[in-house]
Amino acid sequence: MRTGKPAFIRVREAAMILGISASAAYELANAWLATDGQAGLPAVRLGRSILVPRAAIDRLAAVGREDRAEPGLAG
């Protein structure tokens, strides 16, 4: 099922979405690749390109947004 968004995005695009520098995003993506997914920004290498799964970016961008109630407003 296609949503119109690509399944993978370039590291620079991921950096912009996350609000970090491109060099920091590349460092994190390379850490992910070097540690077999134990640390860093989820990424895959396709040829010479490093791509980041959009689903991982969506999850990271959503951290702290879900179930965020204002103090004193919870029932």
PDB file of N, CA and C in Angstrom:
ATOM      1  N   MET A   1       0.834  -1.169   0.000  1.00  0.00           N
ATOM      2  CA  MET A   1       0.000   0.000   0.000  1.00  0.00           C
ATOM      3  C   MET A   1       0.889   1.245   0.000  1.00  0.00           C
ATOM      4  N   ARG A   2       0.702   2.128  -0.988  1.00  0.00           N
ATOM      5  CA  ARG A   2       1.506   3.348  -1.098  1.00  0.00           C
ATOM      6  C   ARG A   2       0.768   4.508  -0.474  1.00  0.00           C
ATOM      7  N   THR A   3       1.506   5.309   0.265  1.00  0.00           N
ATOM      8  CA  THR A   3       0.914   6.485   0.896  1.00  0.00           C
ATOM      9  C   THR A   3       1.332   7.765   0.190  1.00  0.00           C
ATOM     10  N   GLY A   4       2.111   7.659  -0.860  1.00  0.00           N
ATOM     11  CA  GLY A   4       2.599   8.835  -1.544  1.00  0.00           C
ATOM     12  C   GLY A   4       3.968   9.275  -1.048  1.00  0.00           C
ATOM     13  N   LYS A   5       4.363   8.802   0.114  1.00  0.00           N
ATOM     14  CA  LYS A   5       5.679   9.117   0.659  1.00  0.00           C
ATOM     15  C   LYS A   5       6.613   7.955   0.377  1.00  0.00           C
ATOM     16  N   PRO A   6       7.869   8.255   0.032  1.00  0.00           N
ATOM     17  CA  PRO A   6       8.814   7.158  -0.202  1.00  0.00           C
ATOM     18  C   PRO A   6       9.105   6.404   1.092  1.00  0.00           C
ATOM     19  N   ALA A   7       9.388   5.122   0.975  1.00  0.00           N
ATOM     20  CA  ALA A   7       9.684   4.294   2.146  1.00  0.00           C
ATOM     21  C   ALA A   7      11.025   4.658   2.770  1.00  0.00           C
ATOM     22  N   PHE A   8      11.937   5.188   1.958  1.00  0.00           N
ATOM     23  CA  PHE A   8      13.265   5.566   2.438  1.00  0.00           C
ATOM     24  C   PHE A   8      13.573   6.983   1.982  1.00  0.00           C
ATOM     25  N   ILE A   9      14.311   7.717   2.824  1.00  0.00           N
ATOM     26  CA  ILE A   9      14.722   9.068   2.464  1.00  0.00           C
ATOM     27  C   ILE A   9      16.229   9.194   2.649  1.00  0.00           C
ATOM     28  N   ARG A  10      16.807  10.192   2.027  1.00  0.00           N
ATOM     29  CA  ARG A  10      18.247  10.430   2.154  1.00  0.00           C
ATOM     30  C   ARG A  10      18.564  10.967   3.543  1.00  0.00           C
ATOM     31  N   VAL A  11      19.796  10.776   3.956  1.00  0.00           N
ATOM     32  CA  VAL A  11      20.227  11.181   5.298  1.00  0.00           C
ATOM     33  C   VAL A  11      20.033  12.686   5.493  1.00  0.00           C
ATOM     34  N   ARG A  12      20.324  13.494   4.480  1.00  0.00           N
ATOM     35  CA  ARG A  12      20.146  14.951   4.600  1.00  0.00           C
ATOM     36  C   ARG A  12      18.691  15.315   4.867  1.00  0.00           C
ATOM     37  N   GLU A  13      17.758  14.629   4.212  1.00  0.00           N
ATOM     38  CA  GLU A  13      16.334  14.878   4.450  1.00  0.00           C
ATOM     39  C   GLU A  13      15.947  14.496   5.879  1.00  0.00           C
ATOM     40  N   ALA A  14      16.474  13.366   6.340  1.00  0.00           N
ATOM     41  CA  ALA A  14      16.201  12.931   7.711  1.00  0.00           C
ATOM     42  C   ALA A  14      16.716  13.960   8.710  1.00  0.00           C
ATOM     43  N   ALA A  15      17.886  14.513   8.436  1.00  0.00           N
ATOM     44  CA  ALA A  15      18.466  15.526   9.321  1.00  0.00           C
ATOM     45  C   ALA A  15      17.557  16.737   9.407  1.00  0.00           C
ATOM     46  N   MET A  16      17.030  17.179   8.267  1.00  0.00           N
ATOM     47  CA  MET A  16      16.139  18.348   8.263  1.00  0.00           C
ATOM     48  C   MET A  16      14.877  18.077   9.070  1.00  0.00           C
ATOM     49  N   ILE A  17      14.300  16.901   8.902  1.00  0.00           N
ATOM     50  CA  ILE A  17      13.079  16.548   9.628  1.00  0.00           C
ATOM     51  C   ILE A  17      13.331  16.502  11.129  1.00  0.00           C
ATOM     52  N   LEU A  18      14.476  15.940  11.518  1.00  0.00           N
ATOM     53  CA  LEU A  18      14.804  15.784  12.936  1.00  0.00           C
ATOM     54  C   LEU A  18      15.393  17.051  13.563  1.00  0.00           C
ATOM     55  N   GLY A  19      15.768  18.015  12.724  1.00  0.00           N
ATOM     56  CA  GLY A  19      16.326  19.258  13.247  1.00  0.00           C
ATOM     57  C   GLY A  19      17.758  19.114  13.729  1.00  0.00           C
ATOM     58  N   ILE A  20      18.525  18.255  13.054  1.00  0.00           N
ATOM     59  CA  ILE A  20      19.937  18.090  13.400  1.00  0.00           C
ATOM     60  C   ILE A  20      20.767  18.377  12.153  1.00  0.00           C
ATOM     61  N   SER A  21      22.049  18.548  12.320  1.00  0.00           N
ATOM     62  CA  SER A  21      22.906  18.827  11.171  1.00  0.00           C
ATOM     63  C   SER A  21      23.061  17.572  10.314  1.00  0.00           C
ATOM     64  N   ALA A  22      23.367  17.796   9.054  1.00  0.00           N
ATOM     65  CA  ALA A  22      23.582  16.667   8.149  1.00  0.00           C
ATOM     66  C   ALA A  22      24.766  15.837   8.611  1.00  0.00           C
ATOM     67  N   SER A  23      25.816  16.493   9.103  1.00  0.00           N
ATOM     68  CA  SER A  23      26.988  15.726   9.550  1.00  0.00           C
ATOM     69  C   SER A  23      26.648  14.865  10.764  1.00  0.00           C
ATOM     70  N   ALA A  24      25.821  15.377  11.669  1.00  0.00           N
ATOM     71  CA  ALA A  24      25.401  14.574  12.822  1.00  0.00           C
ATOM     72  C   ALA A  24      24.560  13.387  12.364  1.00  0.00           C
ATOM     73  N   ALA A  25      23.687  13.609  11.386  1.00  0.00           N
ATOM     74  CA  ALA A  25      22.846  12.526  10.880  1.00  0.00           C
ATOM     75  C   ALA A  25      23.696  11.453  10.198  1.00  0.00           C
ATOM     76  N   TYR A  26      24.692  11.859   9.404  1.00  0.00           N
ATOM     77  CA  TYR A  26      25.575  10.881   8.775  1.00  0.00           C
ATOM     78  C   TYR A  26      26.366  10.111   9.824  1.00  0.00           C
ATOM     79  N   GLU A  27      26.822  10.803  10.849  1.00  0.00           N
ATOM     80  CA  GLU A  27      27.571  10.129  11.918  1.00  0.00           C
ATOM     81  C   GLU A  27      26.688   9.076  12.600  1.00  0.00           C
ATOM     82  N   LEU A  28      25.440   9.435  12.879  1.00  0.00           N
ATOM     83  CA  LEU A  28      24.518   8.502  13.523  1.00  0.00           C
ATOM     84  C   LEU A  28      24.153   7.336  12.602  1.00  0.00           C
ATOM     85  N   ALA A  29      23.946   7.621  11.322  1.00  0.00           N
ATOM     86  CA  ALA A  29      23.620   6.560  10.368  1.00  0.00           C
ATOM     87  C   ALA A  29      24.789   5.594  10.220  1.00  0.00           C
ATOM     88  N   ASN A  30      25.997   6.124  10.153  1.00  0.00           N
ATOM     89  CA  ASN A  30      27.171   5.256  10.057  1.00  0.00           C
ATOM     90  C   ASN A  30      27.373   4.450  11.334  1.00  0.00           C
ATOM     91  N   ALA A  31      27.024   5.027  12.480  1.00  0.00           N
ATOM     92  CA  ALA A  31      27.099   4.276  13.741  1.00  0.00           C
ATOM     93  C   ALA A  31      26.129   3.100  13.701  1.00  0.00           C
ATOM     94  N   TRP A  32      24.929   3.323  13.172  1.00  0.00           N
ATOM     95  CA  TRP A  32      23.933   2.250  13.048  1.00  0.00           C
ATOM     96  C   TRP A  32      24.479   1.107  12.186  1.00  0.00           C
ATOM     97  N   LEU A  33      25.073   1.479  11.058  1.00  0.00           N
ATOM     98  CA  LEU A  33      25.608   0.469  10.150  1.00  0.00           C
ATOM     99  C   LEU A  33      26.790  -0.274  10.767  1.00  0.00           C
ATOM    100  N   ALA A  34      27.631   0.438  11.494  1.00  0.00           N
ATOM    101  CA  ALA A  34      28.836  -0.160  12.082  1.00  0.00           C
ATOM    102  C   ALA A  34      28.514  -1.063  13.271  1.00  0.00           C
ATOM    103  N   THR A  35      27.406  -0.784  13.970  1.00  0.00           N
ATOM    104  CA  THR A  35      27.065  -1.564  15.165  1.00  0.00           C
ATOM    105  C   THR A  35      25.935  -2.558  14.915  1.00  0.00           C
ATOM    106  N   ASP A  36      25.622  -2.805  13.644  1.00  0.00           N
ATOM    107  CA  ASP A  36      24.523  -3.713  13.296  1.00  0.00           C
ATOM    108  C   ASP A  36      23.226  -3.339  13.998  1.00  0.00           C
ATOM    109  N   GLY A  37      22.950  -2.046  14.052  1.00  0.00           N
ATOM    110  CA  GLY A  37      21.685  -1.579  14.592  1.00  0.00           C
ATOM    111  C   GLY A  37      21.623  -1.424  16.096  1.00  0.00           C
ATOM    112  N   GLN A  38      22.735  -1.485  16.766  1.00  0.00           N
ATOM    113  CA  GLN A  38      22.734  -1.351  18.221  1.00  0.00           C
ATOM    114  C   GLN A  38      22.720   0.104  18.676  1.00  0.00           C
ATOM    115  N   ALA A  39      23.178   1.024  17.825  1.00  0.00           N
ATOM    116  CA  ALA A  39      23.241   2.436  18.199  1.00  0.00           C
ATOM    117  C   ALA A  39      23.126   3.280  16.938  1.00  0.00           C
ATOM    118  N   GLY A  40      22.613   4.482  17.091  1.00  0.00           N
ATOM    119  CA  GLY A  40      22.585   5.417  15.988  1.00  0.00           C
ATOM    120  C   GLY A  40      21.228   5.557  15.335  1.00  0.00           C
ATOM    121  N   LEU A  41      21.234   6.121  14.132  1.00  0.00           N
ATOM    122  CA  LEU A  41      20.034   6.381  13.351  1.00  0.00           C
ATOM    123  C   LEU A  41      19.818   5.220  12.387  1.00  0.00           C
ATOM    124  N   PRO A  42      18.645   4.570  12.436  1.00  0.00           N
ATOM    125  CA  PRO A  42      18.397   3.447  11.537  1.00  0.00           C
ATOM    126  C   PRO A  42      18.676   3.822  10.084  1.00  0.00           C
ATOM    127  N   ALA A  43      19.428   2.977   9.396  1.00  0.00           N
ATOM    128  CA  ALA A  43      19.823   3.260   8.018  1.00  0.00           C
ATOM    129  C   ALA A  43      20.156   1.978   7.290  1.00  0.00           C
ATOM    130  N   VAL A  44      20.067   2.051   5.976  1.00  0.00           N
ATOM    131  CA  VAL A  44      20.489   0.952   5.110  1.00  0.00           C
ATOM    132  C   VAL A  44      21.398   1.538   4.040  1.00  0.00           C
ATOM    133  N   ARG A  45      22.279   0.704   3.545  1.00  0.00           N
ATOM    134  CA  ARG A  45      23.164   1.133   2.459  1.00  0.00           C
ATOM    135  C   ARG A  45      22.686   0.442   1.182  1.00  0.00           C
ATOM    136  N   LEU A  46      22.466   1.256   0.154  1.00  0.00           N
ATOM    137  CA  LEU A  46      22.120   0.761  -1.172  1.00  0.00           C
ATOM    138  C   LEU A  46      23.173   1.294  -2.121  1.00  0.00           C
ATOM    139  N   GLY A  47      24.088   0.426  -2.506  1.00  0.00           N
ATOM    140  CA  GLY A  47      25.214   0.883  -3.309  1.00  0.00           C
ATOM    141  C   GLY A  47      26.052   1.851  -2.484  1.00  0.00           C
ATOM    142  N   ARG A  48      26.249   3.050  -3.009  1.00  0.00           N
ATOM    143  CA  ARG A  48      27.019   4.064  -2.275  1.00  0.00           C
ATOM    144  C   ARG A  48      26.134   4.984  -1.448  1.00  0.00           C
ATOM    145  N   SER A  49      24.818   4.815  -1.562  1.00  0.00           N
ATOM    146  CA  SER A  49      23.876   5.680  -0.839  1.00  0.00           C
ATOM    147  C   SER A  49      23.520   5.103   0.518  1.00  0.00           C
ATOM    148  N   ILE A  50      23.332   5.987   1.466  1.00  0.00           N
ATOM    149  CA  ILE A  50      22.806   5.604   2.777  1.00  0.00           C
ATOM    150  C   ILE A  50      21.406   6.192   2.855  1.00  0.00           C
ATOM    151  N   LEU A  51      20.433   5.325   3.129  1.00  0.00           N
ATOM    152  CA  LEU A  51      19.045   5.751   3.213  1.00  0.00           C
ATOM    153  C   LEU A  51      18.478   5.434   4.583  1.00  0.00           C
ATOM    154  N   VAL A  52      17.525   6.245   5.004  1.00  0.00           N
ATOM    155  CA  VAL A  52      16.905   6.100   6.317  1.00  0.00           C
ATOM    156  C   VAL A  52      15.442   5.720   6.104  1.00  0.00           C
ATOM    157  N   PRO A  53      14.955   4.692   6.794  1.00  0.00           N
ATOM    158  CA  PRO A  53      13.542   4.327   6.661  1.00  0.00           C
ATOM    159  C   PRO A  53      12.642   5.458   7.170  1.00  0.00           C
ATOM    160  N   ARG A  54      11.677   5.855   6.357  1.00  0.00           N
ATOM    161  CA  ARG A  54      10.762   6.921   6.772  1.00  0.00           C
ATOM    162  C   ARG A  54      10.024   6.536   8.050  1.00  0.00           C
ATOM    163  N   ALA A  55       9.691   5.274   8.212  1.00  0.00           N
ATOM    164  CA  ALA A  55       8.985   4.829   9.416  1.00  0.00           C
ATOM    165  C   ALA A  55       9.805   5.136  10.668  1.00  0.00           C
ATOM    166  N   ALA A  56      11.128   4.971  10.588  1.00  0.00           N
ATOM    167  CA  ALA A  56      11.989   5.266  11.740  1.00  0.00           C
ATOM    168  C   ALA A  56      11.982   6.753  12.042  1.00  0.00           C
ATOM    169  N   ILE A  57      11.999   7.587  11.006  1.00  0.00           N
ATOM    170  CA  ILE A  57      11.966   9.033  11.204  1.00  0.00           C
ATOM    171  C   ILE A  57      10.633   9.450  11.808  1.00  0.00           C
ATOM    172  N   ASP A  58       9.549   8.882  11.310  1.00  0.00           N
ATOM    173  CA  ASP A  58       8.227   9.200  11.856  1.00  0.00           C
ATOM    174  C   ASP A  58       8.143   8.838  13.331  1.00  0.00           C
ATOM    175  N   ARG A  59       8.717   7.680  13.705  1.00  0.00           N
ATOM    176  CA  ARG A  59       8.709   7.277  15.124  1.00  0.00           C
ATOM    177  C   ARG A  59       9.551   8.239  15.961  1.00  0.00           C
ATOM    178  N   LEU A  60      10.733   8.607  15.469  1.00  0.00           N
ATOM    179  CA  LEU A  60      11.600   9.514  16.218  1.00  0.00           C
ATOM    180  C   LEU A  60      10.974  10.902  16.354  1.00  0.00           C
ATOM    181  N   ALA A  61      10.348  11.375  15.287  1.00  0.00           N
ATOM    182  CA  ALA A  61       9.730  12.698  15.317  1.00  0.00           C
ATOM    183  C   ALA A  61       8.524  12.739  16.250  1.00  0.00           C
ATOM    184  N   ALA A  62       7.899  11.586  16.486  1.00  0.00           N
ATOM    185  CA  ALA A  62       6.709  11.524  17.329  1.00  0.00           C
ATOM    186  C   ALA A  62       7.026  11.348  18.808  1.00  0.00           C
ATOM    187  N   VAL A  63       8.271  11.078  19.148  1.00  0.00           N
ATOM    188  CA  VAL A  63       8.630  10.835  20.549  1.00  0.00           C
ATOM    189  C   VAL A  63       8.238  12.051  21.391  1.00  0.00           C
ATOM    190  N   GLY A  64       7.488  11.785  22.420  1.00  0.00           N
ATOM    191  CA  GLY A  64       7.081  12.849  23.327  1.00  0.00           C
ATOM    192  C   GLY A  64       5.797  13.547  22.915  1.00  0.00           C
ATOM    193  N   ARG A  65       5.270  13.244  21.735  1.00  0.00           N
ATOM    194  CA  ARG A  65       4.032  13.888  21.298  1.00  0.00           C
ATOM    195  C   ARG A  65       2.798  13.125  21.737  1.00  0.00           C
ATOM    196  N   GLU A  66       2.883  11.805  21.813  1.00  0.00           N
ATOM    197  CA  GLU A  66       1.712  11.009  22.162  1.00  0.00           C
ATOM    198  C   GLU A  66       1.370  11.122  23.640  1.00  0.00           C
ATOM    199  N   ASP A  67       0.091  11.119  23.911  1.00  0.00           N
ATOM    200  CA  ASP A  67      -0.419  11.109  25.287  1.00  0.00           C
ATOM    201  C   ASP A  67       0.207  12.206  26.135  1.00  0.00           C
ATOM    202  N   ARG A  68       0.368  13.358  25.551  1.00  0.00           N
ATOM    203  CA  ARG A  68       0.956  14.472  26.293  1.00  0.00           C
ATOM    204  C   ARG A  68      -0.152  15.365  26.811  1.00  0.00           C
ATOM    205  N   ALA A  69      -0.546  15.158  28.021  1.00  0.00           N
ATOM    206  CA  ALA A  69      -1.610  15.955  28.633  1.00  0.00           C
ATOM    207  C   ALA A  69      -1.013  17.126  29.373  1.00  0.00           C
ATOM    208  N   GLU A  70      -1.748  18.229  29.397  1.00  0.00           N
ATOM    209  CA  GLU A  70      -1.305  19.376  30.178  1.00  0.00           C
ATOM    210  C   GLU A  70      -1.380  19.031  31.662  1.00  0.00           C
ATOM    211  N   PRO A  71      -0.410  19.489  32.451  1.00  0.00           N
ATOM    212  CA  PRO A  71      -0.461  19.211  33.886  1.00  0.00           C
ATOM    213  C   PRO A  71      -1.764  19.754  34.492  1.00  0.00           C
ATOM    214  N   GLY A  72      -2.391  18.938  35.311  1.00  0.00           N
ATOM    215  CA  GLY A  72      -3.606  19.356  36.002  1.00  0.00           C
ATOM    216  C   GLY A  72      -4.875  19.166  35.193  1.00  0.00           C
ATOM    217  N   LEU A  73      -4.764  18.728  33.943  1.00  0.00           N
ATOM    218  CA  LEU A  73      -5.947  18.542  33.118  1.00  0.00           C
ATOM    219  C   LEU A  73      -6.378  17.091  33.029  1.00  0.00           C
ATOM    220  N   ALA A  74      -5.557  16.196  33.523  1.00  0.00           N
ATOM    221  CA  ALA A  74      -5.912  14.776  33.475  1.00  0.00           C
ATOM    222  C   ALA A  74      -7.068  14.521  34.439  1.00  0.00           C
ATOM    223  N   GLY A  75      -7.990  13.645  33.984  1.00  0.00           N
ATOM    224  CA  GLY A  75      -9.206  13.360  34.724  1.00  0.00           C
ATOM    225  C   GLY A  75      -8.947  12.656  35.969  1.00  0.00           C
TER     226      GLY A  75
END
